Protein backbone atom coordinates (compact mmCIF):
# COMPACT_ATOMS: atom_id res chain seq x y z
CA UNK A 1 1.25 32.69 2.79
CA UNK A 2 2.42 35.14 0.05
CA UNK A 3 5.65 32.89 -0.75
CA UNK A 4 3.11 29.94 -1.81
CA UNK A 5 2.20 29.84 -5.11
CA UNK A 6 0.35 26.50 -4.59
CA UNK A 7 0.45 23.27 -2.35
CA UNK A 8 -0.71 19.57 -2.51
CA UNK A 9 -0.43 16.97 0.25
CA UNK A 10 0.57 13.33 -0.72
CA UNK A 11 -0.43 10.49 1.78
CA UNK A 12 0.48 6.96 1.05
CA UNK A 13 -1.84 4.52 2.63
CA UNK A 14 -1.35 0.43 2.59
CA UNK A 15 -3.31 -2.61 4.33
CA UNK A 16 -2.01 -4.95 6.74
CA UNK A 17 -4.25 -7.65 5.60
CA UNK A 18 -6.26 -8.65 2.37
CA UNK A 19 -8.67 -5.93 0.94
CA UNK A 20 -11.94 -8.25 0.94
CA UNK A 21 -11.30 -8.52 5.03
CA UNK A 22 -12.47 -4.64 5.00
CA UNK A 23 -15.54 -2.78 4.88
CA UNK A 24 -15.31 0.59 3.63
CA UNK A 25 -15.41 3.24 5.83
CA UNK A 26 -15.14 7.42 6.24
CA UNK A 27 -11.38 8.91 6.30
CA UNK A 28 -10.70 12.60 6.87
CA UNK A 29 -7.92 14.86 6.01
CA UNK A 30 -7.34 17.86 7.99
CA UNK A 31 -3.94 20.60 8.13
CA UNK A 32 -3.57 22.77 10.42
CA UNK A 33 -6.86 22.20 11.88
CA UNK A 34 -8.90 22.52 8.40
CA UNK A 35 -10.57 20.01 6.55
CA UNK A 36 -8.66 19.46 3.11
CA UNK A 37 -9.36 16.18 2.17
CA UNK A 38 -12.31 12.99 2.72
CA UNK A 39 -11.88 9.58 1.50
CA UNK A 40 -15.49 8.51 1.85
CA UNK A 41 -17.21 5.05 1.81
CA UNK A 42 -13.73 3.01 0.80
CA UNK A 43 -11.04 1.33 1.85
CA UNK A 44 -7.82 3.85 1.16
CA UNK A 45 -4.99 1.84 -0.44
CA UNK A 46 -2.41 4.13 -2.32
CA UNK A 47 -1.41 7.38 -2.72
CA UNK A 48 -3.94 9.99 -2.40
CA UNK A 49 -3.25 13.72 -3.31
CA UNK A 50 -5.45 16.51 -1.97
CA UNK A 51 -5.09 20.53 -3.08
CA UNK A 52 -4.10 22.90 -0.32
CA UNK A 53 -5.36 26.78 -0.08
CA UNK A 54 -2.16 28.07 -0.01
CA UNK A 55 -3.39 30.25 3.40
CA UNK A 56 -3.13 27.34 5.31
CA UNK A 57 0.76 26.44 4.86
CA UNK A 58 2.53 27.51 7.41
CA UNK A 59 5.95 29.17 5.89
CA UNK A 60 8.56 31.95 5.92
CA UNK A 61 10.57 33.49 3.06
CA UNK A 62 13.55 31.10 3.93
CA UNK A 63 12.05 27.84 5.04
CA UNK A 64 8.59 25.73 5.12
CA UNK A 65 7.32 25.59 9.07
CA UNK A 66 5.93 22.69 10.74
CA UNK A 67 2.41 22.19 9.63
CA UNK A 68 0.02 19.70 11.65
CA UNK A 69 -1.51 17.00 9.59
CA UNK A 70 -4.22 14.87 10.90
CA UNK A 71 -6.21 11.66 9.49
CA UNK A 72 -9.74 10.28 11.10
CA UNK A 73 -11.78 7.87 10.16
CA UNK A 74 -14.58 7.94 12.68
CA UNK A 75 -15.75 4.60 14.82
CA UNK A 76 -12.64 3.04 13.17
CA UNK A 77 -9.65 1.15 14.94
CA UNK A 78 -7.19 2.78 13.54
CA UNK A 79 -4.51 0.27 14.31
CA UNK A 80 -5.92 -2.01 11.79
CA UNK A 81 -7.91 -0.03 9.40
CA UNK A 82 -5.35 3.33 9.05
CA UNK A 83 -1.68 2.58 7.88
CA UNK A 84 0.10 5.79 6.54
CA UNK A 85 3.29 4.55 5.22
CA UNK A 86 4.37 8.29 4.22
CA UNK A 87 3.53 11.41 3.36
CA UNK A 88 4.45 14.93 1.66
CA UNK A 89 3.69 18.50 1.68
CA UNK A 90 4.51 19.80 -1.98
CA UNK A 91 4.93 23.11 -1.60
CA UNK A 92 5.49 25.43 -4.91
CA UNK A 93 7.41 29.03 -4.62
CA UNK A 94 7.90 31.89 -6.38
CA UNK A 95 11.02 32.57 -4.84
CA UNK A 96 13.07 30.71 -1.99
CA UNK A 97 15.75 32.47 0.46
CA UNK A 98 18.89 30.38 0.78
CA UNK A 99 21.11 32.49 3.16
CA UNK A 100 24.77 31.46 3.14
CA UNK A 101 28.70 32.65 3.54
CA UNK A 102 30.44 32.92 0.21
CA UNK A 103 33.78 34.88 -0.65
CA UNK A 104 32.08 35.34 -4.44
CA UNK A 105 29.13 34.53 -6.16
CA UNK A 106 29.85 31.68 -7.99
CA UNK A 107 30.62 29.70 -4.54
CA UNK A 108 27.40 31.27 -3.31
CA UNK A 109 25.14 29.36 -5.85
CA UNK A 110 27.09 26.15 -4.63
CA UNK A 111 26.41 26.41 -1.26
CA UNK A 112 22.64 27.08 -2.30
CA UNK A 113 22.21 24.19 -4.49
CA UNK A 114 23.77 22.08 -1.75
CA UNK A 115 21.52 23.30 1.09
CA UNK A 116 18.40 23.13 -1.00
CA UNK A 117 18.72 19.51 -2.25
CA UNK A 118 15.26 18.72 -1.38
CA UNK A 119 14.04 21.68 -3.57
CA UNK A 120 12.83 20.57 -7.11
CA UNK A 121 14.69 23.28 -8.96
CA UNK A 122 13.73 21.74 -12.60
CA UNK A 123 13.06 18.18 -12.84
CA UNK A 124 9.62 16.47 -13.07
CA UNK A 125 8.04 15.00 -10.42
CA UNK A 126 5.36 11.70 -11.57
CA UNK A 127 2.91 10.69 -8.76
CA UNK A 128 0.74 7.75 -9.33
CA UNK A 129 -2.69 8.73 -7.76
CA UNK A 130 -5.61 6.42 -6.24
CA UNK A 131 -7.99 9.22 -5.62
CA UNK A 132 -10.24 7.72 -8.39
CA UNK A 133 -9.37 4.06 -8.46
CA UNK A 134 -12.02 1.61 -7.64
CA UNK A 135 -10.16 -1.05 -6.26
CA UNK A 136 -11.87 -4.47 -6.35
CA UNK A 137 -12.84 -5.84 -3.15
CA UNK A 138 -14.96 -9.37 -1.92
CA UNK A 139 -14.02 -12.61 -3.06
CA UNK A 140 -12.25 -12.84 -6.58
CA UNK A 141 -12.50 -15.49 -9.33
CA UNK A 142 -9.64 -17.09 -10.86
CA UNK A 143 -9.83 -15.69 -14.65
CA UNK A 144 -11.76 -12.65 -13.81
CA UNK A 145 -10.58 -9.56 -15.46
CA UNK A 146 -9.53 -6.30 -13.23
CA UNK A 147 -9.50 -3.30 -14.59
CA UNK A 148 -7.66 -0.68 -12.58
CA UNK A 149 -8.18 3.34 -13.13
CA UNK A 150 -5.17 5.26 -12.27
CA UNK A 151 -4.32 9.16 -12.42
CA UNK A 152 -0.98 10.09 -13.27
CA UNK A 153 0.08 13.71 -11.79
CA UNK A 154 3.21 15.71 -12.56
CA UNK A 155 4.06 17.46 -9.72
CA UNK A 156 7.42 18.74 -10.79
CA UNK A 157 8.64 21.59 -12.76
CA UNK A 158 9.37 20.30 -16.14
CA UNK A 159 7.32 18.03 -18.64
CA UNK A 160 7.57 14.17 -18.27
CA UNK A 161 8.25 12.38 -21.79
CA UNK A 162 7.47 8.96 -22.72
CA UNK A 163 5.54 7.96 -19.29
CA UNK A 164 4.91 4.35 -19.31
CA UNK A 165 2.81 2.39 -16.30
CA UNK A 166 3.59 -1.25 -15.63
CA UNK A 167 1.57 -3.54 -13.26
CA UNK A 168 3.92 -6.66 -11.75
CA UNK A 169 3.02 -9.15 -9.56
CA UNK A 170 5.69 -8.78 -7.09
CA UNK A 171 7.86 -5.66 -5.97
CA UNK A 172 10.28 -4.48 -8.52
CA UNK A 173 12.01 -3.35 -5.62
CA UNK A 174 13.17 -6.50 -4.03
CA UNK A 175 16.31 -8.66 -4.80
CA UNK A 176 15.05 -11.84 -7.59
CA UNK A 177 12.80 -9.35 -9.43
CA UNK A 178 11.98 -10.46 -13.13
CA UNK A 179 10.79 -7.46 -14.89
CA UNK A 180 9.81 -9.76 -17.71
CA UNK A 181 8.17 -12.94 -15.77
CA UNK A 182 6.10 -10.63 -13.69
CA UNK A 183 4.81 -8.00 -15.73
CA UNK A 184 1.16 -8.34 -16.46
CA UNK A 185 0.04 -5.36 -18.26
CA UNK A 186 1.54 -1.91 -19.43
CA UNK A 187 0.41 1.53 -21.17
CA UNK A 188 1.70 4.26 -21.78
CA UNK A 189 1.74 8.45 -22.35
CA UNK A 190 3.78 10.33 -24.86
CA UNK A 191 4.10 13.50 -22.21
CA UNK A 192 2.68 14.69 -19.16
CA UNK A 193 3.17 18.48 -18.54
CA UNK A 194 4.32 19.62 -15.41
CA UNK A 195 1.32 20.43 -13.03
CA UNK A 196 -0.97 18.22 -15.30
CA UNK A 197 -2.97 15.03 -14.49
CA UNK A 198 -3.66 12.80 -17.20
CA UNK A 199 -5.65 9.14 -16.70
CA UNK A 200 -4.53 5.56 -17.49
CA UNK A 201 -5.83 2.16 -17.42
CA UNK A 202 -5.13 -1.45 -17.15
CA UNK A 203 -6.39 -4.59 -17.07
CA UNK A 204 -5.14 -8.25 -16.05
CA UNK A 205 -6.32 -11.83 -15.47
CA UNK A 206 -6.66 -12.38 -11.48
CA UNK A 207 -5.06 -16.01 -10.70
CA UNK A 208 -4.99 -16.64 -6.65
CA UNK A 209 -2.17 -18.74 -6.90
CA UNK A 210 0.47 -16.09 -8.66
CA UNK A 211 -1.49 -12.75 -7.82
CA UNK A 212 -1.74 -12.37 -4.37
CA UNK A 213 -1.11 -8.40 -4.59
CA UNK A 214 -0.47 -6.19 -7.54
CA UNK A 215 2.57 -3.35 -7.55
CA UNK A 216 2.00 -0.36 -10.19
CA UNK A 217 5.31 1.69 -10.97
CA UNK A 218 5.61 4.38 -13.32
CA UNK A 219 8.82 5.08 -15.49
CA UNK A 220 9.86 7.93 -17.99
CA UNK A 221 12.44 8.91 -19.82
CA UNK A 222 13.08 12.59 -18.06
CA UNK A 223 14.81 12.81 -15.17
CA UNK A 224 12.50 12.25 -11.60
CA UNK A 225 12.75 14.27 -8.52
CA UNK A 226 11.37 11.92 -6.20
CA UNK A 227 10.68 8.12 -6.98
CA UNK A 228 8.93 7.15 -4.15
CA UNK A 229 5.68 8.52 -5.28
CA UNK A 230 5.81 6.82 -8.99
CA UNK A 231 3.49 3.85 -7.47
CA UNK A 232 2.08 1.61 -5.04
CA UNK A 233 1.33 -1.89 -3.88
CA UNK A 234 -2.55 -3.27 -3.92
CA UNK A 235 -3.55 -5.99 -1.81
CA UNK A 236 -5.81 -8.76 -3.28
CA UNK A 237 -5.46 -11.68 -1.23
CA UNK A 238 -2.86 -10.44 0.76
CA UNK A 239 -1.24 -7.44 3.02
CA UNK A 240 1.60 -5.90 4.39
CA UNK A 241 1.21 -7.88 7.64
CA UNK A 242 3.31 -11.43 8.42
CA UNK A 243 0.10 -12.46 10.39
CA UNK A 244 -3.14 -14.06 9.38
CA UNK A 245 -6.08 -11.90 8.86
CA UNK A 246 -8.22 -11.58 11.93
CA UNK A 247 -11.28 -12.59 9.78
CA UNK A 248 -10.12 -16.19 9.78
CA UNK A 249 -11.05 -16.15 13.65
CA UNK A 250 -9.18 -13.65 16.48
CA UNK A 251 -7.03 -16.68 18.11
CA UNK A 252 -5.53 -18.00 14.64
CA UNK A 253 -1.66 -16.51 15.45
CA UNK A 254 -2.14 -18.58 18.61
CA UNK A 255 -3.11 -21.91 16.83
CA UNK A 256 0.15 -21.50 14.61
CA UNK A 257 2.31 -20.07 18.09
CA UNK A 258 0.87 -22.24 21.21
CA UNK A 259 -1.72 -24.85 20.25
CA UNK A 260 -1.98 -25.75 23.64
CA UNK A 261 -3.23 -22.29 24.91
CA UNK A 262 -5.77 -22.14 21.80
CA UNK A 263 -9.25 -21.26 23.19
CA UNK A 264 -12.19 -22.16 20.33
CA UNK A 265 -11.37 -20.58 17.24
CA UNK A 266 -14.28 -19.79 14.82
CA UNK A 267 -13.07 -19.74 11.51
CA UNK A 268 -15.60 -17.20 9.53
CA UNK A 269 -14.35 -16.94 6.78
CA UNK A 270 -13.37 -20.64 4.87
CA UNK A 271 -12.61 -18.61 1.59
CA UNK A 272 -10.39 -15.96 3.08
CA UNK A 273 -8.59 -18.79 4.66
CA UNK A 274 -7.75 -20.32 1.28
CA UNK A 275 -6.82 -17.09 0.07
CA UNK A 276 -4.13 -17.04 2.65
CA UNK A 277 -2.82 -20.23 2.24
CA UNK A 278 -2.01 -19.19 -1.45
CA UNK A 279 -0.69 -15.67 -0.21
CA UNK A 280 2.79 -14.29 0.46
CA UNK A 281 2.43 -14.29 4.12
CA UNK A 282 1.46 -17.42 4.15
CA UNK A 283 5.14 -18.54 2.14
CA UNK A 284 6.65 -16.32 5.04
CA UNK A 285 5.21 -18.53 7.70
CA UNK A 286 5.69 -21.96 5.80
CA UNK A 287 9.62 -21.04 5.54
CA UNK A 288 9.94 -20.20 9.23
CA UNK A 289 11.49 -22.47 11.92
CA UNK A 290 7.86 -22.31 13.66
CA UNK A 291 6.31 -24.22 10.56
CA UNK A 292 8.81 -27.01 10.86
CA UNK A 293 6.87 -28.17 13.83
CA UNK A 294 3.54 -27.47 12.73
CA UNK A 295 1.56 -30.59 13.56
CA UNK A 296 -2.50 -30.24 12.62
CA UNK A 297 -2.73 -33.74 13.64
CA UNK A 298 -1.35 -33.11 17.03
CA UNK A 299 -3.35 -29.84 17.49
CA UNK A 300 -6.48 -32.13 16.75
CA UNK A 301 -5.28 -34.34 19.61
CA UNK A 302 -5.07 -31.75 21.63
CA UNK A 303 -8.53 -30.54 20.93
CA UNK A 304 -10.39 -33.98 21.68
CA UNK A 305 -8.88 -34.06 24.95
CA UNK A 306 -9.42 -29.95 26.24
CA UNK A 307 -12.82 -29.07 24.66
CA UNK A 308 -16.49 -30.55 25.56
CA UNK A 309 -17.93 -32.12 22.42
CA UNK A 310 -20.08 -29.50 20.87
CA UNK A 311 -17.26 -27.27 20.85
CA UNK A 312 -14.58 -29.86 19.92
CA UNK A 313 -16.93 -31.69 16.89
CA UNK A 314 -17.43 -28.38 15.27
CA UNK A 315 -13.67 -26.89 15.49
CA UNK A 316 -12.64 -30.16 14.30
CA UNK A 317 -14.94 -30.30 11.05
CA UNK A 318 -13.45 -26.59 10.13
CA UNK A 319 -9.82 -27.82 10.47
CA UNK A 320 -10.61 -31.12 8.39
CA UNK A 321 -11.92 -28.84 5.75
CA UNK A 322 -8.31 -27.10 5.97
CA UNK A 323 -6.31 -29.59 5.88
CA UNK A 324 -6.09 -31.02 2.44
CA UNK A 325 -5.38 -27.22 1.59
CA UNK A 326 -2.15 -27.30 3.74
CA UNK A 327 -0.86 -30.51 2.51
CA UNK A 328 -0.93 -29.64 -1.11
CA UNK A 329 0.78 -26.74 0.12
CA UNK A 330 3.53 -28.75 1.47
CA UNK A 331 3.54 -30.57 -1.62
CA UNK A 332 3.99 -27.52 -3.93
CA UNK A 333 7.11 -26.42 -1.95
CA UNK A 334 8.70 -30.03 -1.95
């Protein structure tokens, strides 16, 4: 399009389950039928940016038209593995026409500003990118130092001054957040010029009992056009879903909800189950009405009556191995 100077596609991915539960896969991104990006051998999480050729953007002098975004991952179940929280097509134009009806130029300027509220006329637009982020996967050990290397982009029209990147153990947007108590690490940049990007790194010690996921957020003294792309969550032993991870066995939600319907449950990842027990998702379950009637001994008695001995004993051994974890959690919550 002759009106386009530059275009960037912004995609925000999140995970339903803990990061260690996924195997890396390939993700391909297309805009209007043309490949514009790829994420290879990676479990995408966070915000990814892709530069878009100008001639792919569909627009007129007055507006951006409908542009089709397609995201594929061959051989992957998209219901479990690709969760796109949000997307945005950022188009920089040298001139945009805003038709208005006005009695004079002053009124026309006011109306044009009102009708173009979604246009960045002169502010910074910081964006935290995960394109080059090497996120740790697999089993994490308590006390292990985790280093995260981010890219800070300024997609806006003016420079961003005194930029800080902070890492928290909980979501800064929820009620009860305590910045001082929840902050894990912080680093700063003096200035990020418009259209530029800079690298920044943060390091923190991992503790499975207090850090089930981390939340990265950018702050700046400059006015920011869009605060929604200033950070994101990274899953460690916790994901966005309230349900247990499928790696614990495909039927484990039935164990919590309807034990009498339970078939043979194969717990394939005991370490993952321990992570789940100390995660925020488990806290949500334990605070629910369902948890108040949760009875391990009753489930074991039901199993003794229902299954033949070889299957039953194998499962009961596994169930005993998690009983202590459940009791410890009960004690901690009293």
